[in-house]
Amino acid sequence: MTVGSELIMGAVPPERAGSAAAVVETGSELGGALGMAVRGRIGAAIYRSDLAGSAAAQTCRPARSPRHADTPRRSR
């Protein structure tokens, strides 16, 4: 157990130890999930910013050229 968990578990009476342990475990799981989400979001932002300057982004062409953007597509 971590120091925070030890402090919490030591502060509650023995008859409430089960509830305290559940709250500590829930807080740990929630903190871990939020930490992973934030790290993932930061990683995605860094990846996207690096991708914008890469050679792959510079060689991709738009699906339609700008001169044809105003002309409607023919229906079949």
N, C-alpha and C. Protein backbone atom coordinates (compact mmCIF):
# COMPACT_ATOMS: atom_id res chain seq x y z
N MET A 1 0.84 -1.19 0.00
CA MET A 1 0.00 0.00 0.00
C MET A 1 0.88 1.24 0.00
N THR A 2 0.36 2.29 -0.57
CA THR A 2 1.11 3.53 -0.60
C THR A 2 0.98 4.26 0.73
N VAL A 3 1.75 5.31 0.87
CA VAL A 3 1.73 6.08 2.11
C VAL A 3 0.35 6.68 2.35
N GLY A 4 -0.26 7.21 1.29
CA GLY A 4 -1.60 7.80 1.44
C GLY A 4 -2.63 6.78 1.88
N SER A 5 -2.56 5.60 1.30
CA SER A 5 -3.49 4.53 1.69
C SER A 5 -3.28 4.12 3.14
N GLU A 6 -2.02 4.02 3.54
CA GLU A 6 -1.71 3.67 4.93
C GLU A 6 -2.25 4.72 5.90
N LEU A 7 -2.11 5.99 5.54
CA LEU A 7 -2.61 7.05 6.41
C LEU A 7 -4.13 7.00 6.52
N ILE A 8 -4.80 6.78 5.42
CA ILE A 8 -6.26 6.72 5.44
C ILE A 8 -6.73 5.51 6.24
N MET A 9 -6.14 4.35 5.98
CA MET A 9 -6.56 3.14 6.67
C MET A 9 -6.24 3.21 8.16
N GLY A 10 -5.18 3.90 8.53
CA GLY A 10 -4.86 4.04 9.95
C GLY A 10 -5.76 5.02 10.67
N ALA A 11 -6.42 5.91 9.93
CA ALA A 11 -7.25 6.94 10.56
C ALA A 11 -8.69 6.49 10.79
N VAL A 12 -9.12 5.42 10.15
CA VAL A 12 -10.51 4.99 10.29
C VAL A 12 -10.61 3.90 11.35
N PRO A 13 -11.76 3.82 12.02
CA PRO A 13 -11.95 2.74 12.99
C PRO A 13 -12.01 1.38 12.29
N PRO A 14 -11.65 0.31 12.98
CA PRO A 14 -11.62 -1.02 12.37
C PRO A 14 -12.95 -1.47 11.75
N GLU A 15 -14.07 -1.05 12.33
CA GLU A 15 -15.37 -1.48 11.80
C GLU A 15 -15.70 -0.79 10.46
N ARG A 16 -14.99 0.26 10.12
CA ARG A 16 -15.22 0.95 8.84
C ARG A 16 -14.06 0.75 7.86
N ALA A 17 -13.19 -0.18 8.15
CA ALA A 17 -12.01 -0.40 7.32
C ALA A 17 -12.39 -0.87 5.92
N GLY A 18 -13.42 -1.67 5.79
CA GLY A 18 -13.84 -2.16 4.48
C GLY A 18 -14.31 -1.03 3.58
N SER A 19 -15.11 -0.13 4.13
CA SER A 19 -15.59 1.02 3.35
C SER A 19 -14.43 1.94 2.98
N ALA A 20 -13.53 2.16 3.91
CA ALA A 20 -12.38 3.02 3.63
C ALA A 20 -11.49 2.41 2.55
N ALA A 21 -11.29 1.11 2.61
CA ALA A 21 -10.48 0.44 1.59
C ALA A 21 -11.13 0.56 0.21
N ALA A 22 -12.45 0.46 0.17
CA ALA A 22 -13.16 0.59 -1.10
C ALA A 22 -13.01 1.99 -1.68
N VAL A 23 -13.09 3.00 -0.81
CA VAL A 23 -12.94 4.38 -1.27
C VAL A 23 -11.51 4.63 -1.76
N VAL A 24 -10.54 4.10 -1.04
CA VAL A 24 -9.14 4.26 -1.44
C VAL A 24 -8.90 3.58 -2.78
N GLU A 25 -9.41 2.38 -2.95
CA GLU A 25 -9.22 1.65 -4.20
C GLU A 25 -9.91 2.34 -5.37
N THR A 26 -11.11 2.85 -5.15
CA THR A 26 -11.83 3.58 -6.20
C THR A 26 -11.07 4.84 -6.60
N GLY A 27 -10.55 5.55 -5.61
CA GLY A 27 -9.77 6.75 -5.90
C GLY A 27 -8.50 6.43 -6.68
N SER A 28 -7.87 5.33 -6.34
CA SER A 28 -6.66 4.92 -7.07
C SER A 28 -6.98 4.55 -8.52
N GLU A 29 -8.05 3.82 -8.72
CA GLU A 29 -8.44 3.43 -10.08
C GLU A 29 -8.83 4.66 -10.91
N LEU A 30 -9.58 5.57 -10.31
CA LEU A 30 -9.99 6.77 -11.03
C LEU A 30 -8.77 7.63 -11.38
N GLY A 31 -7.87 7.79 -10.44
CA GLY A 31 -6.66 8.56 -10.70
C GLY A 31 -5.81 7.94 -11.80
N GLY A 32 -5.71 6.63 -11.79
CA GLY A 32 -4.95 5.94 -12.84
C GLY A 32 -5.59 6.11 -14.21
N ALA A 33 -6.91 5.99 -14.26
CA ALA A 33 -7.62 6.13 -15.54
C ALA A 33 -7.50 7.56 -16.07
N LEU A 34 -7.65 8.54 -15.21
CA LEU A 34 -7.53 9.93 -15.66
C LEU A 34 -6.10 10.24 -16.09
N GLY A 35 -5.14 9.70 -15.37
CA GLY A 35 -3.74 9.91 -15.74
C GLY A 35 -3.43 9.33 -17.11
N MET A 36 -3.94 8.14 -17.38
CA MET A 36 -3.73 7.52 -18.70
C MET A 36 -4.41 8.33 -19.79
N ALA A 37 -5.61 8.84 -19.52
CA ALA A 37 -6.32 9.63 -20.52
C ALA A 37 -5.57 10.92 -20.85
N VAL A 38 -5.06 11.57 -19.82
CA VAL A 38 -4.31 12.81 -20.04
C VAL A 38 -3.02 12.52 -20.80
N ARG A 39 -2.32 11.48 -20.42
CA ARG A 39 -1.09 11.12 -21.14
C ARG A 39 -1.38 10.76 -22.60
N GLY A 40 -2.46 10.05 -22.84
CA GLY A 40 -2.83 9.71 -24.20
C GLY A 40 -3.16 10.93 -25.03
N ARG A 41 -3.86 11.87 -24.43
CA ARG A 41 -4.23 13.10 -25.14
C ARG A 41 -2.99 13.92 -25.46
N ILE A 42 -2.06 14.01 -24.53
CA ILE A 42 -0.81 14.74 -24.76
C ILE A 42 0.00 14.05 -25.86
N GLY A 43 0.07 12.73 -25.79
CA GLY A 43 0.80 11.98 -26.82
C GLY A 43 0.18 12.16 -28.19
N ALA A 44 -1.14 12.16 -28.28
CA ALA A 44 -1.81 12.36 -29.56
C ALA A 44 -1.56 13.76 -30.10
N ALA A 45 -1.55 14.76 -29.23
CA ALA A 45 -1.28 16.13 -29.66
C ALA A 45 0.15 16.27 -30.18
N ILE A 46 1.09 15.64 -29.51
CA ILE A 46 2.48 15.69 -29.96
C ILE A 46 2.62 14.97 -31.29
N TYR A 47 1.98 13.83 -31.42
CA TYR A 47 2.06 13.07 -32.67
C TYR A 47 1.47 13.87 -33.83
N ARG A 48 0.32 14.50 -33.60
CA ARG A 48 -0.31 15.28 -34.66
C ARG A 48 0.53 16.48 -35.06
N SER A 49 1.16 17.12 -34.08
CA SER A 49 1.98 18.28 -34.42
C SER A 49 3.23 17.85 -35.19
N ASP A 50 3.78 16.70 -34.86
CA ASP A 50 4.93 16.19 -35.61
C ASP A 50 4.53 15.72 -37.00
N LEU A 51 3.33 15.19 -37.14
CA LEU A 51 2.85 14.69 -38.42
C LEU A 51 2.60 15.82 -39.40
N ALA A 52 2.20 16.98 -38.91
CA ALA A 52 1.89 18.10 -39.79
C ALA A 52 3.12 18.55 -40.57
N GLY A 53 4.29 18.43 -40.01
CA GLY A 53 5.50 18.85 -40.70
C GLY A 53 6.23 17.73 -41.41
N SER A 54 5.66 16.54 -41.44
CA SER A 54 6.36 15.41 -42.05
C SER A 54 6.21 15.41 -43.56
N ALA A 55 6.99 14.60 -44.21
CA ALA A 55 6.96 14.51 -45.67
C ALA A 55 5.64 13.92 -46.16
N ALA A 56 5.04 13.02 -45.40
CA ALA A 56 3.77 12.41 -45.82
C ALA A 56 2.67 13.45 -45.93
N ALA A 57 2.64 14.39 -45.01
CA ALA A 57 1.60 15.41 -45.05
C ALA A 57 1.81 16.36 -46.23
N GLN A 58 3.04 16.54 -46.64
CA GLN A 58 3.33 17.46 -47.74
C GLN A 58 3.09 16.82 -49.10
N THR A 59 3.12 15.51 -49.20
CA THR A 59 2.94 14.85 -50.49
C THR A 59 1.49 14.47 -50.77
N CYS A 60 0.63 14.52 -49.79
CA CYS A 60 -0.78 14.16 -50.00
C CYS A 60 -1.49 15.26 -50.77
N ARG A 61 -2.31 14.85 -51.75
CA ARG A 61 -3.08 15.80 -52.53
C ARG A 61 -4.51 15.81 -52.04
N PRO A 62 -5.21 16.93 -52.19
CA PRO A 62 -6.63 16.93 -51.85
C PRO A 62 -7.40 16.07 -52.86
N ALA A 63 -8.56 15.61 -52.49
CA ALA A 63 -9.35 14.74 -53.35
C ALA A 63 -9.78 15.45 -54.63
N ARG A 64 -10.10 16.73 -54.54
CA ARG A 64 -10.48 17.51 -55.71
C ARG A 64 -9.62 18.76 -55.73
N SER A 65 -9.20 19.15 -56.89
CA SER A 65 -8.37 20.34 -56.99
C SER A 65 -9.24 21.58 -56.77
N PRO A 66 -8.66 22.68 -56.32
CA PRO A 66 -9.46 23.88 -56.04
C PRO A 66 -10.20 24.43 -57.25
N ARG A 67 -9.68 24.24 -58.46
CA ARG A 67 -10.37 24.79 -59.62
C ARG A 67 -11.67 24.07 -59.91
N HIS A 68 -11.81 22.85 -59.43
CA HIS A 68 -13.05 22.09 -59.63
C HIS A 68 -13.95 22.12 -58.40
N ALA A 69 -13.60 22.89 -57.41
CA ALA A 69 -14.37 22.89 -56.18
C ALA A 69 -15.76 23.46 -56.37
N ASP A 70 -15.94 24.40 -57.32
CA ASP A 70 -17.24 25.04 -57.51
C ASP A 70 -18.16 24.25 -58.44
N THR A 71 -17.63 23.33 -59.21
CA THR A 71 -18.46 22.59 -60.16
C THR A 71 -19.12 21.41 -59.45
N PRO A 72 -20.42 21.26 -59.66
CA PRO A 72 -21.11 20.13 -59.00
C PRO A 72 -20.72 18.80 -59.66
N ARG A 73 -20.81 17.77 -58.90
CA ARG A 73 -20.52 16.43 -59.43
C ARG A 73 -21.72 15.93 -60.22
N ARG A 74 -21.45 15.16 -61.26
CA ARG A 74 -22.52 14.59 -62.05
C ARG A 74 -23.11 13.37 -61.33
N SER A 75 -24.41 13.25 -61.35
CA SER A 75 -25.04 12.07 -60.78
C SER A 75 -25.14 11.01 -61.86
N ARG A 76 -25.09 9.79 -61.48
CA ARG A 76 -25.12 8.68 -62.45
C ARG A 76 -26.48 8.08 -62.52
